[in-house]
Amino acid sequence: MSEYPPTASNQGEAQAASRSTVPNVIEQGRRGSMDIHKSSRKGMKWSAEESDLLLKLRKDEKRPWAEVTRRFSKEYPGRSPGAIQVYWSTTLSKKED
C-alpha cells in the first residue's frame, strides 16, 4: 500500500473490486449453508420409531427436555429441539396410555 491517500481513480477501482467479490462471498455462504440442511428432517413425517422413543423418554421415563432432545438427536439426527417439543405437545402428550 502507498503512504499517500487514495486518488479518485484508485477508490473507484477498489469499490469495483469489492462489489465483484461480495456476490461471490454471499453465494459461497449460501452453498455452505445448504450442506447443513441436507440432514434436516424438516417437513418429513414422523416415523413410528421416533414417536415410540419420544413417548418412552418423556412419558414412561419422565426425562427432562434437555436429556430427551439430546438422546433423541443421537438416535434420529435432523430434528431440532423445538420440533421435538412441538411434536410432543401437539400430538403425543394427548395420546392415551
C-alpha atoms as a PDB file:
ATOM      1  CA  MET A   1       0.000   0.000   0.000  1.00  0.00           C
ATOM      2  CA  SER A   2       1.037   3.546  -0.628  1.00  0.00           C
ATOM      3  CA  GLU A   3       1.707   6.182   2.013  1.00  0.00           C
ATOM      4  CA  TYR A   4      -0.413   8.627   0.045  1.00  0.00           C
ATOM      5  CA  PRO A   5      -4.184   8.869   0.287  1.00  0.00           C
ATOM      6  CA  PRO A   6      -6.045   7.026  -2.460  1.00  0.00           C
ATOM      7  CA  THR A   7      -6.882   9.004  -5.549  1.00  0.00           C
ATOM      8  CA  ALA A   8     -10.349   9.101  -7.063  1.00  0.00           C
ATOM      9  CA  SER A   9      -9.354   6.533  -9.680  1.00  0.00           C
ATOM     10  CA  ASN A  10      -7.904   4.196  -7.030  1.00  0.00           C
ATOM     11  CA  GLN A  11     -11.061   4.499  -4.946  1.00  0.00           C
ATOM     12  CA  GLY A  12     -13.218   3.634  -7.941  1.00  0.00           C
ATOM     13  CA  GLU A  13     -11.097   0.568  -8.671  1.00  0.00           C
ATOM     14  CA  ALA A  14     -11.295  -0.537  -5.029  1.00  0.00           C
ATOM     15  CA  GLN A  15     -15.069  -0.130  -4.975  1.00  0.00           C
ATOM     16  CA  ALA A  16     -15.453  -2.065  -8.210  1.00  0.00           C
ATOM     17  CA  ALA A  17     -13.259  -4.848  -6.835  1.00  0.00           C
ATOM     18  CA  SER A  18     -15.213  -5.033  -3.586  1.00  0.00           C
ATOM     19  CA  ARG A  19     -18.533  -5.152  -5.446  1.00  0.00           C
ATOM     20  CA  SER A  20     -17.326  -8.001  -7.614  1.00  0.00           C
ATOM     21  CA  THR A  21     -16.272 -10.113  -4.630  1.00  0.00           C
ATOM     22  CA  VAL A  22     -19.316  -9.541  -2.409  1.00  0.00           C
ATOM     23  CA  PRO A  23     -21.711 -11.645  -4.517  1.00  0.00           C
ATOM     24  CA  ASN A  24     -19.131 -14.442  -4.559  1.00  0.00           C
ATOM     25  CA  VAL A  25     -18.900 -14.394  -0.760  1.00  0.00           C
ATOM     26  CA  ILE A  26     -22.678 -14.395  -0.446  1.00  0.00           C
ATOM     27  CA  GLU A  27     -23.008 -17.216  -2.954  1.00  0.00           C
ATOM     28  CA  GLN A  28     -20.357 -19.255  -1.134  1.00  0.00           C
ATOM     29  CA  GLY A  29     -22.234 -18.724   2.131  1.00  0.00           C
ATOM     30  CA  ARG A  30     -25.445 -19.934   0.557  1.00  0.00           C
ATOM     31  CA  ARG A  31     -23.796 -23.037  -0.823  1.00  0.00           C
ATOM     32  CA  GLY A  32     -22.218 -23.792   2.533  1.00  0.00           C
ATOM     33  CA  SER A  33     -25.486 -23.368   4.400  1.00  0.00           C
ATOM     34  CA  MET A  34     -27.261 -25.750   2.056  1.00  0.00           C
ATOM     35  CA  ASP A  35     -24.933 -28.536   3.150  1.00  0.00           C
ATOM     36  CA  ILE A  36     -26.094 -28.104   6.743  1.00  0.00           C
ATOM     37  CA  HIS A  37     -29.731 -28.660   5.830  1.00  0.00           C
ATOM     38  CA  LYS A  38     -29.197 -31.889   3.911  1.00  0.00           C
ATOM     39  CA  SER A  39     -29.502 -33.893   7.133  1.00  0.00           C
ATOM     40  CA  SER A  40     -32.586 -31.986   8.267  1.00  0.00           C
ATOM     41  CA  ARG A  41     -35.786 -33.951   8.673  1.00  0.00           C
ATOM     42  CA  LYS A  42     -37.910 -30.794   8.494  1.00  0.00           C
ATOM     43  CA  GLY A  43     -41.150 -31.480   6.717  1.00  0.00           C
ATOM     44  CA  MET A  44     -40.702 -35.243   6.911  1.00  0.00           C
ATOM     45  CA  LYS A  45     -43.395 -37.338   8.523  1.00  0.00           C
ATOM     46  CA  TRP A  46     -42.566 -38.658  11.991  1.00  0.00           C
ATOM     47  CA  SER A  47     -41.886 -42.386  11.996  1.00  0.00           C
ATOM     48  CA  ALA A  48     -43.420 -44.809  14.469  1.00  0.00           C
ATOM     49  CA  GLU A  49     -39.930 -45.442  15.871  1.00  0.00           C
ATOM     50  CA  GLU A  50     -39.411 -41.726  16.524  1.00  0.00           C
ATOM     51  CA  SER A  51     -42.792 -41.457  18.254  1.00  0.00           C
ATOM     52  CA  ASP A  52     -42.097 -44.560  20.349  1.00  0.00           C
ATOM     53  CA  LEU A  53     -38.724 -43.252  21.508  1.00  0.00           C
ATOM     54  CA  LEU A  54     -40.179 -39.861  22.387  1.00  0.00           C
ATOM     55  CA  LEU A  55     -43.044 -41.466  24.319  1.00  0.00           C
ATOM     56  CA  LYS A  56     -40.623 -43.728  26.161  1.00  0.00           C
ATOM     57  CA  LEU A  57     -38.235 -40.927  27.121  1.00  0.00           C
ATOM     58  CA  ARG A  58     -40.819 -38.343  28.071  1.00  0.00           C
ATOM     59  CA  LYS A  59     -43.892 -40.193  29.335  1.00  0.00           C
ATOM     60  CA  ASP A  60     -42.521 -43.503  30.611  1.00  0.00           C
ATOM     61  CA  GLU A  61     -39.128 -42.419  31.965  1.00  0.00           C
ATOM     62  CA  LYS A  62     -40.157 -38.806  32.685  1.00  0.00           C
ATOM     63  CA  ARG A  63     -36.837 -37.420  31.413  1.00  0.00           C
ATOM     64  CA  PRO A  64     -36.188 -33.651  31.353  1.00  0.00           C
ATOM     65  CA  TRP A  65     -36.317 -31.945  27.937  1.00  0.00           C
ATOM     66  CA  ALA A  66     -32.564 -31.382  27.738  1.00  0.00           C
ATOM     67  CA  GLU A  67     -31.928 -35.101  28.087  1.00  0.00           C
ATOM     68  CA  VAL A  68     -34.832 -36.079  25.821  1.00  0.00           C
ATOM     69  CA  THR A  69     -33.661 -33.879  22.953  1.00  0.00           C
ATOM     70  CA  ARG A  70     -30.019 -34.952  23.374  1.00  0.00           C
ATOM     71  CA  ARG A  71     -30.827 -38.678  23.351  1.00  0.00           C
ATOM     72  CA  PHE A  72     -33.419 -38.314  20.614  1.00  0.00           C
ATOM     73  CA  SER A  73     -30.976 -36.398  18.388  1.00  0.00           C
ATOM     74  CA  LYS A  74     -28.324 -39.102  18.808  1.00  0.00           C
ATOM     75  CA  GLU A  75     -30.773 -41.758  17.626  1.00  0.00           C
ATOM     76  CA  TYR A  76     -32.596 -39.680  14.967  1.00  0.00           C
ATOM     77  CA  PRO A  77     -30.485 -36.683  13.904  1.00  0.00           C
ATOM     78  CA  GLY A  78     -32.110 -33.853  11.979  1.00  0.00           C
ATOM     79  CA  ARG A  79     -34.948 -32.877  14.310  1.00  0.00           C
ATOM     80  CA  SER A  80     -34.437 -29.616  16.212  1.00  0.00           C
ATOM     81  CA  PRO A  81     -35.168 -29.480  19.944  1.00  0.00           C
ATOM     82  CA  GLY A  82     -38.061 -27.153  19.159  1.00  0.00           C
ATOM     83  CA  ALA A  83     -39.529 -29.538  16.593  1.00  0.00           C
ATOM     84  CA  ILE A  84     -39.305 -32.402  19.082  1.00  0.00           C
ATOM     85  CA  GLN A  85     -41.088 -30.398  21.791  1.00  0.00           C
ATOM     86  CA  VAL A  86     -43.784 -29.134  19.423  1.00  0.00           C
ATOM     87  CA  TYR A  87     -44.478 -32.644  18.152  1.00  0.00           C
ATOM     88  CA  TRP A  88     -44.713 -33.872  21.716  1.00  0.00           C
ATOM     89  CA  SER A  89     -47.068 -31.141  22.886  1.00  0.00           C
ATOM     90  CA  THR A  90     -49.346 -31.161  19.831  1.00  0.00           C
ATOM     91  CA  THR A  91     -49.537 -34.891  19.163  1.00  0.00           C
ATOM     92  CA  LEU A  92     -48.009 -37.316  21.632  1.00  0.00           C
ATOM     93  CA  SER A  93     -48.846 -35.781  25.010  1.00  0.00           C
ATOM     94  CA  LYS A  94     -52.534 -36.233  24.216  1.00  0.00           C
ATOM     95  CA  LYS A  95     -52.261 -39.929  23.411  1.00  0.00           C
ATOM     96  CA  GLU A  96     -53.851 -42.330  25.862  1.00  0.00           C
ATOM     97  CA  ASP A  97     -51.600 -44.876  27.568  1.00  0.00           C
END
